[in-house]
Amino acid sequence: MLLPRGDYQVWENFSLTLPEDLTFGPGIHYLSGANGSGKSSMITKLLLPRLLKTSSIYCVYLEQQMQVQFTTVKAYASVVQPRKTIDSESETIDFLLDNLLCAWQKEPRPCYVVMDESLFATRVLDFLQANLPSFSLIYSAHTQLVKADQTILFEAISPTRNEVYVSRP
């Protein structure tokens, strides 16, 4: 998945500048930056719309504030699997990952898992590594939770604009 270089206005008074194309292929991609640097905005305004429009992939999104997602998945599970109970965020994540795996087993496609400030990065990564030959895990966090193949940095340029770029070793 490619985000072309350019300026992206993600809110009325806030934009993200990508001086180079960003590519999210197989592997682990860590979005790093301070609070308010645009990590969540990039996920919700740039990444997810592109991923969700791509019918040739599977995409699971784990929200930063999971309460609504937890309630929605709990209700959905009660309809499609009447004896299934979901009582926690971790069970919500397990349910979503199990559904991803079932879909992939029926029809293999590239799999993207996007996590915004989730404390379950290690759990999700362990599941993906154990069950899928290839995947793209994109996660934002204030500290690096798992070793990344690509670190994407968010740096303030002005109060209304941040630059987003791949960290070079």
N, C-alpha and C. Protein backbone atom coordinates (compact mmCIF):
# COMPACT_ATOMS: atom_id res chain seq x y z
N MET A 1 0.85 -1.16 0.00
CA MET A 1 0.00 0.00 0.00
C MET A 1 0.90 1.23 0.00
N LEU A 2 0.56 2.17 -0.81
CA LEU A 2 1.39 3.35 -1.01
C LEU A 2 0.63 4.61 -0.61
N LEU A 3 1.30 5.46 0.15
CA LEU A 3 0.83 6.82 0.39
C LEU A 3 1.78 7.73 -0.38
N PRO A 4 1.30 8.37 -1.43
CA PRO A 4 2.18 9.22 -2.23
C PRO A 4 2.65 10.46 -1.46
N ARG A 5 3.85 10.91 -1.79
CA ARG A 5 4.37 12.12 -1.16
C ARG A 5 3.43 13.27 -1.46
N GLY A 6 3.44 14.25 -0.55
CA GLY A 6 2.58 15.41 -0.74
C GLY A 6 2.13 15.98 0.59
N ASP A 7 1.31 17.00 0.52
CA ASP A 7 0.73 17.63 1.70
C ASP A 7 -0.71 17.15 1.85
N TYR A 8 -1.07 16.72 3.05
CA TYR A 8 -2.41 16.20 3.32
C TYR A 8 -3.02 16.98 4.48
N GLN A 9 -4.09 17.70 4.19
CA GLN A 9 -4.80 18.40 5.25
C GLN A 9 -5.72 17.39 5.92
N VAL A 10 -5.40 17.02 7.17
CA VAL A 10 -6.18 16.01 7.87
C VAL A 10 -7.22 16.62 8.80
N TRP A 11 -7.03 17.86 9.20
CA TRP A 11 -7.99 18.63 10.00
C TRP A 11 -7.98 20.05 9.46
N GLU A 12 -8.92 20.85 9.90
CA GLU A 12 -9.04 22.21 9.37
C GLU A 12 -7.75 23.00 9.51
N ASN A 13 -7.07 22.89 10.63
CA ASN A 13 -5.85 23.67 10.86
C ASN A 13 -4.63 22.78 11.08
N PHE A 14 -4.61 21.61 10.45
CA PHE A 14 -3.48 20.71 10.66
C PHE A 14 -3.26 19.85 9.43
N SER A 15 -2.01 19.81 8.97
CA SER A 15 -1.69 18.98 7.81
C SER A 15 -0.43 18.16 8.07
N LEU A 16 -0.31 17.09 7.32
CA LEU A 16 0.86 16.23 7.35
C LEU A 16 1.56 16.34 6.00
N THR A 17 2.87 16.49 6.04
CA THR A 17 3.67 16.56 4.82
C THR A 17 4.49 15.29 4.71
N LEU A 18 4.36 14.61 3.60
CA LEU A 18 5.18 13.44 3.30
C LEU A 18 6.17 13.85 2.22
N PRO A 19 7.44 14.07 2.57
CA PRO A 19 8.42 14.48 1.57
C PRO A 19 8.74 13.37 0.57
N GLU A 20 8.47 12.12 0.96
CA GLU A 20 8.69 10.96 0.08
C GLU A 20 7.47 10.06 0.17
N ASP A 21 7.29 9.19 -0.84
CA ASP A 21 6.25 8.17 -0.78
C ASP A 21 6.49 7.29 0.45
N LEU A 22 5.39 6.88 1.09
CA LEU A 22 5.48 5.89 2.16
C LEU A 22 4.87 4.59 1.67
N THR A 23 5.60 3.50 1.82
CA THR A 23 5.13 2.20 1.38
C THR A 23 4.92 1.31 2.59
N PHE A 24 3.77 0.65 2.63
CA PHE A 24 3.45 -0.27 3.71
C PHE A 24 3.26 -1.66 3.11
N GLY A 25 4.37 -2.37 2.99
CA GLY A 25 4.33 -3.72 2.48
C GLY A 25 4.36 -4.70 3.63
N PRO A 26 4.64 -5.97 3.34
CA PRO A 26 4.73 -6.95 4.41
C PRO A 26 5.78 -6.54 5.44
N GLY A 27 5.48 -6.76 6.71
CA GLY A 27 6.40 -6.44 7.78
C GLY A 27 5.72 -5.62 8.87
N ILE A 28 6.55 -5.08 9.74
CA ILE A 28 6.06 -4.33 10.90
C ILE A 28 6.44 -2.86 10.72
N HIS A 29 5.44 -1.99 10.83
CA HIS A 29 5.62 -0.56 10.61
C HIS A 29 5.21 0.17 11.88
N TYR A 30 6.15 0.87 12.48
CA TYR A 30 5.92 1.58 13.74
C TYR A 30 5.81 3.08 13.48
N LEU A 31 4.68 3.67 13.88
CA LEU A 31 4.47 5.10 13.75
C LEU A 31 4.88 5.74 15.07
N SER A 32 5.89 6.59 15.04
CA SER A 32 6.48 7.16 16.25
C SER A 32 6.37 8.68 16.25
N GLY A 33 5.89 9.22 17.38
CA GLY A 33 5.80 10.66 17.51
C GLY A 33 5.14 11.05 18.81
N ALA A 34 5.26 12.30 19.16
CA ALA A 34 4.68 12.81 20.39
C ALA A 34 3.16 12.87 20.29
N ASN A 35 2.51 13.05 21.44
CA ASN A 35 1.07 13.29 21.44
C ASN A 35 0.75 14.46 20.52
N GLY A 36 -0.30 14.29 19.71
CA GLY A 36 -0.70 15.38 18.83
C GLY A 36 0.13 15.53 17.58
N SER A 37 1.02 14.59 17.31
CA SER A 37 1.90 14.71 16.14
C SER A 37 1.25 14.26 14.84
N GLY A 38 0.08 13.61 14.93
CA GLY A 38 -0.64 13.22 13.72
C GLY A 38 -0.67 11.73 13.44
N LYS A 39 -0.21 10.90 14.38
CA LYS A 39 -0.21 9.45 14.15
C LYS A 39 -1.63 8.92 13.94
N SER A 40 -2.52 9.23 14.87
CA SER A 40 -3.91 8.76 14.75
C SER A 40 -4.60 9.38 13.55
N SER A 41 -4.31 10.65 13.28
CA SER A 41 -4.90 11.31 12.11
C SER A 41 -4.46 10.64 10.82
N MET A 42 -3.19 10.27 10.74
CA MET A 42 -2.70 9.57 9.55
C MET A 42 -3.42 8.23 9.39
N ILE A 43 -3.60 7.53 10.50
CA ILE A 43 -4.29 6.24 10.43
C ILE A 43 -5.72 6.42 9.95
N THR A 44 -6.48 7.31 10.61
CA THR A 44 -7.91 7.43 10.31
C THR A 44 -8.22 8.21 9.03
N LYS A 45 -7.38 9.18 8.69
CA LYS A 45 -7.69 10.03 7.53
C LYS A 45 -6.97 9.61 6.24
N LEU A 46 -5.84 8.92 6.37
CA LEU A 46 -5.07 8.55 5.17
C LEU A 46 -4.98 7.04 4.96
N LEU A 47 -4.51 6.32 5.96
CA LEU A 47 -4.29 4.87 5.78
C LEU A 47 -5.58 4.08 5.64
N LEU A 48 -6.45 4.18 6.65
CA LEU A 48 -7.67 3.36 6.64
C LEU A 48 -8.54 3.57 5.41
N PRO A 49 -8.80 4.82 4.99
CA PRO A 49 -9.63 4.96 3.78
C PRO A 49 -9.05 4.24 2.56
N ARG A 50 -7.73 4.27 2.41
CA ARG A 50 -7.11 3.57 1.27
C ARG A 50 -7.20 2.06 1.43
N LEU A 51 -6.92 1.59 2.63
CA LEU A 51 -6.98 0.14 2.87
C LEU A 51 -8.40 -0.39 2.69
N LEU A 52 -9.38 0.30 3.23
CA LEU A 52 -10.75 -0.18 3.18
C LEU A 52 -11.35 -0.13 1.78
N LYS A 53 -10.78 0.68 0.89
CA LYS A 53 -11.24 0.73 -0.50
C LYS A 53 -10.61 -0.37 -1.36
N THR A 54 -9.63 -1.08 -0.79
CA THR A 54 -8.90 -2.09 -1.56
C THR A 54 -9.52 -3.46 -1.29
N SER A 55 -10.33 -3.94 -2.23
CA SER A 55 -11.04 -5.20 -2.02
C SER A 55 -10.14 -6.43 -2.11
N SER A 56 -8.92 -6.27 -2.56
CA SER A 56 -8.02 -7.41 -2.74
C SER A 56 -7.19 -7.70 -1.48
N ILE A 57 -7.51 -7.05 -0.36
CA ILE A 57 -6.78 -7.28 0.90
C ILE A 57 -7.78 -7.49 2.02
N TYR A 58 -7.27 -7.95 3.15
CA TYR A 58 -8.03 -7.96 4.40
C TYR A 58 -7.43 -6.91 5.31
N CYS A 59 -8.29 -6.22 6.05
CA CYS A 59 -7.82 -5.18 6.96
C CYS A 59 -8.56 -5.28 8.28
N VAL A 60 -7.82 -5.32 9.37
CA VAL A 60 -8.38 -5.26 10.72
C VAL A 60 -7.83 -4.01 11.38
N TYR A 61 -8.71 -3.23 11.97
CA TYR A 61 -8.34 -2.00 12.64
C TYR A 61 -8.69 -2.11 14.13
N LEU A 62 -7.69 -1.92 14.98
CA LEU A 62 -7.89 -1.92 16.42
C LEU A 62 -7.77 -0.49 16.90
N GLU A 63 -8.89 0.07 17.33
CA GLU A 63 -8.98 1.48 17.68
C GLU A 63 -8.23 1.82 18.96
N GLN A 64 -7.90 3.09 19.08
CA GLN A 64 -7.22 3.57 20.29
C GLN A 64 -8.14 3.45 21.50
N GLN A 65 -9.35 3.93 21.39
CA GLN A 65 -10.35 3.79 22.45
C GLN A 65 -11.29 2.68 22.00
N MET A 66 -11.12 1.48 22.54
CA MET A 66 -11.80 0.30 22.02
C MET A 66 -13.21 0.08 22.56
N GLN A 67 -13.73 0.94 23.42
CA GLN A 67 -15.02 0.65 24.05
C GLN A 67 -16.14 0.47 23.03
N VAL A 68 -16.24 1.36 22.05
CA VAL A 68 -17.29 1.22 21.03
C VAL A 68 -17.04 -0.03 20.20
N GLN A 69 -15.79 -0.26 19.80
CA GLN A 69 -15.47 -1.45 19.02
C GLN A 69 -15.78 -2.71 19.82
N PHE A 70 -15.43 -2.74 21.09
CA PHE A 70 -15.71 -3.87 21.97
C PHE A 70 -17.21 -4.15 22.01
N THR A 71 -18.02 -3.11 22.22
CA THR A 71 -19.48 -3.29 22.30
C THR A 71 -20.04 -3.78 20.97
N THR A 72 -19.56 -3.24 19.88
CA THR A 72 -20.03 -3.63 18.55
C THR A 72 -19.67 -5.09 18.25
N VAL A 73 -18.43 -5.47 18.52
CA VAL A 73 -18.00 -6.86 18.27
C VAL A 73 -18.76 -7.83 19.17
N LYS A 74 -18.98 -7.44 20.40
CA LYS A 74 -19.73 -8.28 21.34
C LYS A 74 -21.14 -8.54 20.80
N ALA A 75 -21.80 -7.49 20.31
CA ALA A 75 -23.15 -7.64 19.75
C ALA A 75 -23.11 -8.50 18.48
N TYR A 76 -22.16 -8.24 17.61
CA TYR A 76 -22.03 -9.01 16.36
C TYR A 76 -21.79 -10.49 16.67
N ALA A 77 -20.89 -10.77 17.60
CA ALA A 77 -20.58 -12.15 17.96
C ALA A 77 -21.81 -12.87 18.50
N SER A 78 -22.64 -12.18 19.26
CA SER A 78 -23.83 -12.81 19.82
C SER A 78 -24.83 -13.22 18.74
N VAL A 79 -24.76 -12.56 17.59
CA VAL A 79 -25.66 -12.90 16.48
C VAL A 79 -25.08 -14.04 15.64
N VAL A 80 -23.79 -13.94 15.28
CA VAL A 80 -23.20 -14.93 14.37
C VAL A 80 -22.72 -16.19 15.09
N GLN A 81 -22.43 -16.07 16.37
CA GLN A 81 -22.02 -17.22 17.19
C GLN A 81 -22.74 -17.11 18.54
N PRO A 82 -24.01 -17.52 18.60
CA PRO A 82 -24.84 -17.26 19.79
C PRO A 82 -24.24 -17.70 21.13
N ARG A 83 -23.42 -18.68 21.17
CA ARG A 83 -22.84 -19.12 22.44
C ARG A 83 -21.49 -18.44 22.75
N LYS A 84 -21.04 -17.60 21.84
CA LYS A 84 -19.76 -16.90 22.01
C LYS A 84 -19.95 -15.70 22.94
N THR A 85 -19.12 -15.64 23.96
CA THR A 85 -19.15 -14.47 24.84
C THR A 85 -17.85 -13.70 24.70
N ILE A 86 -17.97 -12.41 24.67
CA ILE A 86 -16.82 -11.52 24.59
C ILE A 86 -16.96 -10.53 25.74
N ASP A 87 -16.00 -10.58 26.66
CA ASP A 87 -16.10 -9.78 27.87
C ASP A 87 -14.93 -8.84 28.11
N SER A 88 -14.02 -8.74 27.14
CA SER A 88 -12.85 -7.87 27.36
C SER A 88 -12.28 -7.42 26.01
N GLU A 89 -11.38 -6.43 26.10
CA GLU A 89 -10.70 -5.97 24.88
C GLU A 89 -9.86 -7.09 24.28
N SER A 90 -9.19 -7.87 25.11
CA SER A 90 -8.36 -8.95 24.57
C SER A 90 -9.21 -9.99 23.86
N GLU A 91 -10.41 -10.29 24.37
CA GLU A 91 -11.30 -11.23 23.68
C GLU A 91 -11.84 -10.63 22.38
N THR A 92 -12.02 -9.32 22.37
CA THR A 92 -12.43 -8.63 21.14
C THR A 92 -11.35 -8.80 20.07
N ILE A 93 -10.10 -8.57 20.47
CA ILE A 93 -8.98 -8.71 19.54
C ILE A 93 -8.87 -10.15 19.06
N ASP A 94 -9.00 -11.11 19.97
CA ASP A 94 -8.94 -12.53 19.57
C ASP A 94 -10.03 -12.85 18.55
N PHE A 95 -11.24 -12.35 18.78
CA PHE A 95 -12.35 -12.59 17.86
C PHE A 95 -12.05 -12.02 16.48
N LEU A 96 -11.57 -10.79 16.44
CA LEU A 96 -11.26 -10.16 15.15
C LEU A 96 -10.13 -10.88 14.42
N LEU A 97 -9.10 -11.28 15.16
CA LEU A 97 -7.99 -12.00 14.53
C LEU A 97 -8.41 -13.39 14.06
N ASP A 98 -9.25 -14.06 14.83
CA ASP A 98 -9.76 -15.37 14.41
C ASP A 98 -10.59 -15.23 13.12
N ASN A 99 -11.40 -14.17 13.04
CA ASN A 99 -12.18 -13.93 11.82
C ASN A 99 -11.26 -13.64 10.63
N LEU A 100 -10.19 -12.88 10.87
CA LEU A 100 -9.21 -12.62 9.82
C LEU A 100 -8.62 -13.93 9.32
N LEU A 101 -8.21 -14.78 10.24
CA LEU A 101 -7.61 -16.06 9.86
C LEU A 101 -8.60 -16.93 9.08
N CYS A 102 -9.85 -17.00 9.52
CA CYS A 102 -10.86 -17.79 8.81
C CYS A 102 -11.05 -17.28 7.39
N ALA A 103 -11.14 -15.98 7.24
CA ALA A 103 -11.29 -15.39 5.89
C ALA A 103 -10.07 -15.71 5.04
N TRP A 104 -8.87 -15.56 5.61
CA TRP A 104 -7.65 -15.82 4.87
C TRP A 104 -7.55 -17.29 4.46
N GLN A 105 -7.98 -18.22 5.33
CA GLN A 105 -7.93 -19.65 5.00
C GLN A 105 -8.87 -19.99 3.86
N LYS A 106 -9.99 -19.29 3.77
CA LYS A 106 -10.93 -19.53 2.67
C LYS A 106 -10.43 -18.91 1.37
N GLU A 107 -9.84 -17.73 1.46
CA GLU A 107 -9.34 -17.02 0.28
C GLU A 107 -8.12 -16.18 0.68
N PRO A 108 -6.91 -16.74 0.49
CA PRO A 108 -5.70 -15.99 0.89
C PRO A 108 -5.58 -14.67 0.14
N ARG A 109 -5.33 -13.62 0.90
CA ARG A 109 -5.07 -12.27 0.39
C ARG A 109 -4.08 -11.61 1.33
N PRO A 110 -3.45 -10.52 0.90
CA PRO A 110 -2.60 -9.77 1.83
C PRO A 110 -3.43 -9.30 3.04
N CYS A 111 -2.81 -9.36 4.21
CA CYS A 111 -3.49 -8.99 5.46
C CYS A 111 -2.80 -7.79 6.09
N TYR A 112 -3.60 -6.79 6.43
CA TYR A 112 -3.13 -5.60 7.12
C TYR A 112 -3.83 -5.51 8.47
N VAL A 113 -3.05 -5.33 9.52
CA VAL A 113 -3.61 -5.07 10.84
C VAL A 113 -3.08 -3.71 11.27
N VAL A 114 -4.00 -2.80 11.58
CA VAL A 114 -3.65 -1.44 11.98
C VAL A 114 -4.08 -1.25 13.43
N MET A 115 -3.12 -0.86 14.27
CA MET A 115 -3.39 -0.69 15.69
C MET A 115 -3.01 0.73 16.10
N ASP A 116 -3.94 1.41 16.76
CA ASP A 116 -3.69 2.77 17.21
C ASP A 116 -3.58 2.77 18.74
N GLU A 117 -2.36 2.89 19.24
CA GLU A 117 -2.10 2.96 20.68
C GLU A 117 -2.62 1.75 21.45
N SER A 118 -2.54 0.57 20.87
CA SER A 118 -3.00 -0.64 21.54
C SER A 118 -1.89 -1.22 22.41
N LEU A 119 -2.29 -1.73 23.55
CA LEU A 119 -1.33 -2.38 24.44
C LEU A 119 -1.11 -3.84 24.06
N PHE A 120 -1.78 -4.29 23.02
CA PHE A 120 -1.75 -5.70 22.65
C PHE A 120 -0.85 -6.00 21.45
N ALA A 121 0.12 -5.15 21.18
CA ALA A 121 0.96 -5.32 19.99
C ALA A 121 1.68 -6.68 20.00
N THR A 122 2.23 -7.07 21.13
CA THR A 122 2.95 -8.35 21.19
C THR A 122 2.00 -9.51 20.95
N ARG A 123 0.84 -9.47 21.55
CA ARG A 123 -0.17 -10.53 21.38
C ARG A 123 -0.58 -10.64 19.91
N VAL A 124 -0.84 -9.50 19.28
CA VAL A 124 -1.25 -9.49 17.88
C VAL A 124 -0.13 -10.00 16.99
N LEU A 125 1.09 -9.53 17.22
CA LEU A 125 2.22 -9.97 16.42
C LEU A 125 2.45 -11.47 16.56
N ASP A 126 2.37 -12.00 17.77
CA ASP A 126 2.53 -13.44 17.98
C ASP A 126 1.50 -14.22 17.18
N PHE A 127 0.25 -13.76 17.18
CA PHE A 127 -0.81 -14.42 16.42
C PHE A 127 -0.51 -14.39 14.93
N LEU A 128 -0.15 -13.22 14.43
CA LEU A 128 0.13 -13.09 12.99
C LEU A 128 1.29 -13.97 12.57
N GLN A 129 2.37 -13.95 13.34
CA GLN A 129 3.54 -14.77 13.01
C GLN A 129 3.24 -16.26 13.06
N ALA A 130 2.36 -16.67 13.96
CA ALA A 130 2.03 -18.09 14.09
C ALA A 130 1.07 -18.59 13.01
N ASN A 131 0.30 -17.67 12.42
CA ASN A 131 -0.79 -18.12 11.55
C ASN A 131 -0.74 -17.66 10.10
N LEU A 132 0.02 -16.62 9.79
CA LEU A 132 0.02 -16.10 8.43
C LEU A 132 1.45 -16.07 7.88
N PRO A 133 1.62 -16.48 6.63
CA PRO A 133 2.98 -16.46 6.07
C PRO A 133 3.49 -15.05 5.80
N SER A 134 2.58 -14.11 5.62
CA SER A 134 2.97 -12.73 5.33
C SER A 134 1.86 -11.81 5.82
N PHE A 135 2.22 -10.65 6.33
CA PHE A 135 1.25 -9.69 6.83
C PHE A 135 1.92 -8.33 6.94
N SER A 136 1.10 -7.31 7.11
CA SER A 136 1.59 -5.97 7.40
C SER A 136 0.93 -5.52 8.70
N LEU A 137 1.76 -5.28 9.70
CA LEU A 137 1.29 -4.76 10.99
C LEU A 137 1.72 -3.30 11.07
N ILE A 138 0.76 -2.41 11.18
CA ILE A 138 1.03 -0.97 11.28
C ILE A 138 0.52 -0.54 12.64
N TYR A 139 1.42 -0.04 13.49
CA TYR A 139 0.96 0.36 14.82
C TYR A 139 1.59 1.66 15.27
N SER A 140 0.78 2.42 16.02
CA SER A 140 1.28 3.64 16.63
C SER A 140 1.35 3.42 18.13
N ALA A 141 2.36 4.02 18.73
CA ALA A 141 2.54 3.94 20.18
C ALA A 141 3.55 5.00 20.59
N HIS A 142 3.52 5.35 21.87
CA HIS A 142 4.47 6.34 22.36
C HIS A 142 5.86 5.73 22.57
N THR A 143 5.89 4.41 22.78
CA THR A 143 7.16 3.69 22.86
C THR A 143 7.06 2.47 21.96
N GLN A 144 8.19 2.08 21.42
CA GLN A 144 8.20 0.94 20.51
C GLN A 144 7.94 -0.34 21.31
N LEU A 145 6.85 -1.05 20.95
CA LEU A 145 6.44 -2.24 21.68
C LEU A 145 7.02 -3.51 21.09
N VAL A 146 7.21 -3.52 19.78
CA VAL A 146 7.81 -4.68 19.10
C VAL A 146 8.79 -4.14 18.07
N LYS A 147 9.78 -4.95 17.73
CA LYS A 147 10.80 -4.55 16.76
C LYS A 147 10.15 -4.32 15.40
N ALA A 148 10.46 -3.19 14.81
CA ALA A 148 9.84 -2.81 13.54
C ALA A 148 10.81 -2.96 12.37
N ASP A 149 10.26 -3.29 11.22
CA ASP A 149 11.04 -3.30 9.98
C ASP A 149 11.17 -1.87 9.44
N GLN A 150 10.19 -1.04 9.77
CA GLN A 150 10.19 0.35 9.31
C GLN A 150 9.63 1.24 10.42
N THR A 151 10.37 2.28 10.77
CA THR A 151 9.89 3.27 11.72
C THR A 151 9.57 4.55 10.97
N ILE A 152 8.36 5.04 11.17
CA ILE A 152 7.91 6.25 10.51
C ILE A 152 7.79 7.33 11.58
N LEU A 153 8.55 8.41 11.39
CA LEU A 153 8.63 9.47 12.38
C LEU A 153 7.71 10.64 12.02
N PHE A 154 7.13 11.25 13.05
CA PHE A 154 6.28 12.43 12.92
C PHE A 154 6.99 13.57 13.63
N GLU A 155 7.35 14.60 12.88
CA GLU A 155 8.14 15.70 13.43
C GLU A 155 7.44 17.03 13.18
N ALA A 156 7.32 17.83 14.23
CA ALA A 156 6.67 19.14 14.11
C ALA A 156 7.50 20.08 13.26
N ILE A 157 6.87 20.69 12.28
CA ILE A 157 7.50 21.71 11.43
C ILE A 157 6.97 23.08 11.87
N SER A 158 5.69 23.12 12.22
CA SER A 158 5.05 24.34 12.71
C SER A 158 3.86 23.88 13.55
N PRO A 159 3.16 24.79 14.22
CA PRO A 159 2.00 24.37 15.01
C PRO A 159 0.88 23.73 14.19
N THR A 160 0.88 23.97 12.89
CA THR A 160 -0.20 23.44 12.04
C THR A 160 0.27 22.41 11.02
N ARG A 161 1.56 22.04 11.07
CA ARG A 161 2.06 21.10 10.06
C ARG A 161 3.17 20.23 10.65
N ASN A 162 3.07 18.94 10.40
CA ASN A 162 4.09 18.00 10.78
C ASN A 162 4.61 17.27 9.56
N GLU A 163 5.86 16.89 9.61
CA GLU A 163 6.47 16.12 8.53
C GLU A 163 6.52 14.65 8.95
N VAL A 164 6.24 13.77 8.00
CA VAL A 164 6.20 12.34 8.24
C VAL A 164 7.20 11.69 7.31
N TYR A 165 8.13 10.92 7.87
CA TYR A 165 9.17 10.32 7.05
C TYR A 165 9.68 9.03 7.68
N VAL A 166 10.29 8.21 6.85
CA VAL A 166 10.87 6.95 7.32
C VAL A 166 12.22 7.25 7.96
N SER A 167 12.42 6.72 9.13
CA SER A 167 13.69 6.88 9.84
C SER A 167 14.78 6.11 9.10
N ARG A 168 15.87 6.76 8.86
CA ARG A 168 17.01 6.10 8.20
C ARG A 168 18.04 5.72 9.28
N PRO A 169 18.55 4.48 9.23
CA PRO A 169 19.55 4.07 10.25
C PRO A 169 20.84 4.84 10.17
